[in-house]
Amino acid sequence: MILNKVVGEEISKGIRHSDHQTLLNSIKRKIELLKANPEYGIHIPKNRIPKEYVMDYDARKFMQ
């Protein structure tokens, strides 16, 4: 993941706070929330899921 590499370089340069680091931390927090509770988020009604997504990704449930 490119973001991990950028953040690693920033940390090695002594940069402690940046937009990249904030974004990466936010993504990691949401991943942990989803691991702990897969039902986290807002369910999207099935009639709002584009048919291409269902066919391309075999996706039947989406959450926002």
N, C-alpha and C. Protein backbone atom coordinates (compact mmCIF):
# COMPACT_ATOMS: atom_id res chain seq x y z
N MET A 1 0.85 -1.18 0.00
CA MET A 1 0.00 0.00 0.00
C MET A 1 0.90 1.24 0.00
N ILE A 2 0.65 2.12 -0.89
CA ILE A 2 1.48 3.32 -1.06
C ILE A 2 1.40 4.21 0.18
N LEU A 3 0.23 4.33 0.76
CA LEU A 3 0.06 5.20 1.93
C LEU A 3 0.95 4.74 3.08
N ASN A 4 1.04 3.43 3.29
CA ASN A 4 1.93 2.90 4.34
C ASN A 4 3.37 3.33 4.10
N LYS A 5 3.81 3.26 2.86
CA LYS A 5 5.18 3.64 2.51
C LYS A 5 5.42 5.12 2.77
N VAL A 6 4.48 5.96 2.36
CA VAL A 6 4.61 7.41 2.56
C VAL A 6 4.68 7.73 4.05
N VAL A 7 3.79 7.12 4.83
CA VAL A 7 3.77 7.38 6.27
C VAL A 7 5.07 6.88 6.91
N GLY A 8 5.55 5.72 6.49
CA GLY A 8 6.81 5.21 7.01
C GLY A 8 7.97 6.15 6.75
N GLU A 9 8.01 6.71 5.54
CA GLU A 9 9.06 7.67 5.21
C GLU A 9 8.94 8.94 6.05
N GLU A 10 7.70 9.40 6.24
CA GLU A 10 7.50 10.61 7.06
C GLU A 10 7.97 10.39 8.49
N ILE A 11 7.63 9.24 9.03
CA ILE A 11 8.03 8.94 10.41
C ILE A 11 9.54 8.85 10.53
N SER A 12 10.18 8.24 9.52
CA SER A 12 11.65 8.12 9.56
C SER A 12 12.33 9.50 9.45
N LYS A 13 11.63 10.46 8.83
CA LYS A 13 12.16 11.82 8.72
C LYS A 13 11.83 12.66 9.94
N GLY A 14 11.08 12.09 10.87
CA GLY A 14 10.74 12.81 12.09
C GLY A 14 9.45 13.60 12.02
N ILE A 15 8.70 13.45 10.94
CA ILE A 15 7.41 14.14 10.82
C ILE A 15 6.40 13.36 11.65
N ARG A 16 5.81 14.03 12.63
CA ARG A 16 4.92 13.34 13.56
C ARG A 16 3.45 13.50 13.23
N HIS A 17 3.08 14.56 12.53
CA HIS A 17 1.67 14.80 12.19
C HIS A 17 1.58 15.27 10.75
N SER A 18 0.80 14.55 9.96
CA SER A 18 0.59 14.96 8.57
C SER A 18 -0.78 14.45 8.12
N ASP A 19 -1.23 14.94 7.00
CA ASP A 19 -2.50 14.47 6.45
C ASP A 19 -2.43 12.98 6.12
N HIS A 20 -1.29 12.53 5.63
CA HIS A 20 -1.13 11.11 5.30
C HIS A 20 -1.28 10.24 6.55
N GLN A 21 -0.65 10.65 7.62
CA GLN A 21 -0.72 9.88 8.85
C GLN A 21 -2.14 9.88 9.42
N THR A 22 -2.80 11.02 9.34
CA THR A 22 -4.18 11.11 9.82
C THR A 22 -5.09 10.19 9.02
N LEU A 23 -4.92 10.19 7.70
CA LEU A 23 -5.73 9.33 6.83
C LEU A 23 -5.48 7.86 7.13
N LEU A 24 -4.22 7.47 7.25
CA LEU A 24 -3.89 6.07 7.54
C LEU A 24 -4.46 5.64 8.88
N ASN A 25 -4.35 6.48 9.89
CA ASN A 25 -4.90 6.14 11.21
C ASN A 25 -6.42 6.00 11.15
N SER A 26 -7.08 6.85 10.39
CA SER A 26 -8.54 6.76 10.24
C SER A 26 -8.93 5.45 9.57
N ILE A 27 -8.20 5.09 8.53
CA ILE A 27 -8.49 3.83 7.83
C ILE A 27 -8.29 2.64 8.76
N LYS A 28 -7.21 2.66 9.52
CA LYS A 28 -6.95 1.56 10.46
C LYS A 28 -8.03 1.45 11.52
N ARG A 29 -8.51 2.60 12.03
CA ARG A 29 -9.58 2.58 13.03
C ARG A 29 -10.86 1.97 12.46
N LYS A 30 -11.21 2.34 11.23
CA LYS A 30 -12.43 1.80 10.61
C LYS A 30 -12.30 0.32 10.34
N ILE A 31 -11.11 -0.13 9.96
CA ILE A 31 -10.90 -1.56 9.75
C ILE A 31 -11.11 -2.32 11.05
N GLU A 32 -10.58 -1.79 12.15
CA GLU A 32 -10.75 -2.43 13.46
C GLU A 32 -12.23 -2.45 13.87
N LEU A 33 -12.94 -1.36 13.61
CA LEU A 33 -14.37 -1.33 13.92
C LEU A 33 -15.13 -2.39 13.12
N LEU A 34 -14.79 -2.54 11.86
CA LEU A 34 -15.45 -3.55 11.02
C LEU A 34 -15.09 -4.97 11.44
N LYS A 35 -13.86 -5.18 11.89
CA LYS A 35 -13.48 -6.50 12.38
C LYS A 35 -14.26 -6.85 13.64
N ALA A 36 -14.44 -5.87 14.51
CA ALA A 36 -15.15 -6.09 15.77
C ALA A 36 -16.65 -6.21 15.56
N ASN A 37 -17.18 -5.47 14.58
CA ASN A 37 -18.62 -5.46 14.35
C ASN A 37 -18.89 -5.32 12.85
N PRO A 38 -19.03 -6.45 12.14
CA PRO A 38 -19.25 -6.39 10.68
C PRO A 38 -20.52 -5.65 10.28
N GLU A 39 -21.44 -5.46 11.20
CA GLU A 39 -22.69 -4.77 10.90
C GLU A 39 -22.56 -3.25 11.08
N TYR A 40 -21.36 -2.77 11.38
CA TYR A 40 -21.12 -1.34 11.58
C TYR A 40 -21.44 -0.58 10.29
N GLY A 41 -22.12 0.53 10.42
CA GLY A 41 -22.43 1.36 9.25
C GLY A 41 -23.90 1.36 8.92
N ILE A 42 -24.22 1.99 7.83
CA ILE A 42 -25.60 2.12 7.38
C ILE A 42 -25.82 1.14 6.24
N HIS A 43 -26.85 0.30 6.36
CA HIS A 43 -27.16 -0.64 5.29
C HIS A 43 -27.71 0.12 4.09
N ILE A 44 -27.26 -0.26 2.90
CA ILE A 44 -27.76 0.34 1.68
C ILE A 44 -28.82 -0.59 1.10
N PRO A 45 -30.02 -0.09 0.80
CA PRO A 45 -31.07 -0.95 0.27
C PRO A 45 -30.62 -1.64 -1.03
N LYS A 46 -31.08 -2.88 -1.20
CA LYS A 46 -30.66 -3.68 -2.36
C LYS A 46 -31.01 -3.02 -3.68
N ASN A 47 -32.11 -2.30 -3.72
CA ASN A 47 -32.50 -1.67 -4.99
C ASN A 47 -31.61 -0.49 -5.35
N ARG A 48 -30.74 -0.09 -4.45
CA ARG A 48 -29.81 1.02 -4.71
C ARG A 48 -28.43 0.54 -5.13
N ILE A 49 -28.21 -0.80 -5.10
CA ILE A 49 -26.91 -1.35 -5.48
C ILE A 49 -26.91 -1.57 -6.99
N PRO A 50 -25.99 -0.93 -7.71
CA PRO A 50 -25.94 -1.11 -9.17
C PRO A 50 -25.73 -2.58 -9.55
N LYS A 51 -26.43 -3.03 -10.57
CA LYS A 51 -26.35 -4.43 -11.00
C LYS A 51 -24.93 -4.81 -11.42
N GLU A 52 -24.17 -3.83 -11.95
CA GLU A 52 -22.79 -4.12 -12.33
C GLU A 52 -21.97 -4.56 -11.13
N TYR A 53 -22.20 -3.94 -9.97
CA TYR A 53 -21.45 -4.30 -8.77
C TYR A 53 -21.78 -5.72 -8.34
N VAL A 54 -23.06 -6.06 -8.41
CA VAL A 54 -23.48 -7.40 -8.02
C VAL A 54 -22.82 -8.43 -8.93
N MET A 55 -22.79 -8.15 -10.24
CA MET A 55 -22.20 -9.10 -11.19
C MET A 55 -20.67 -9.12 -11.08
N ASP A 56 -20.04 -7.95 -11.04
CA ASP A 56 -18.57 -7.88 -11.05
C ASP A 56 -17.94 -8.35 -9.74
N TYR A 57 -18.58 -8.05 -8.62
CA TYR A 57 -17.98 -8.33 -7.32
C TYR A 57 -18.74 -9.36 -6.51
N ASP A 58 -19.78 -9.94 -7.10
CA ASP A 58 -20.65 -10.88 -6.39
C ASP A 58 -21.10 -10.27 -5.05
N ALA A 59 -21.44 -9.00 -5.12
CA ALA A 59 -21.82 -8.24 -3.93
C ALA A 59 -23.34 -8.18 -3.81
N ARG A 60 -23.83 -8.56 -2.67
CA ARG A 60 -25.27 -8.52 -2.46
C ARG A 60 -25.65 -7.56 -1.33
N LYS A 61 -24.69 -7.26 -0.46
CA LYS A 61 -24.93 -6.36 0.65
C LYS A 61 -23.87 -5.27 0.63
N PHE A 62 -24.29 -4.06 0.80
CA PHE A 62 -23.35 -2.94 0.90
C PHE A 62 -23.70 -2.13 2.13
N MET A 63 -22.69 -1.54 2.72
CA MET A 63 -22.90 -0.67 3.87
C MET A 63 -22.13 0.60 3.62
N GLN A 64 -22.64 1.67 4.15
CA GLN A 64 -22.01 2.98 3.96
C GLN A 64 -21.31 3.37 5.23
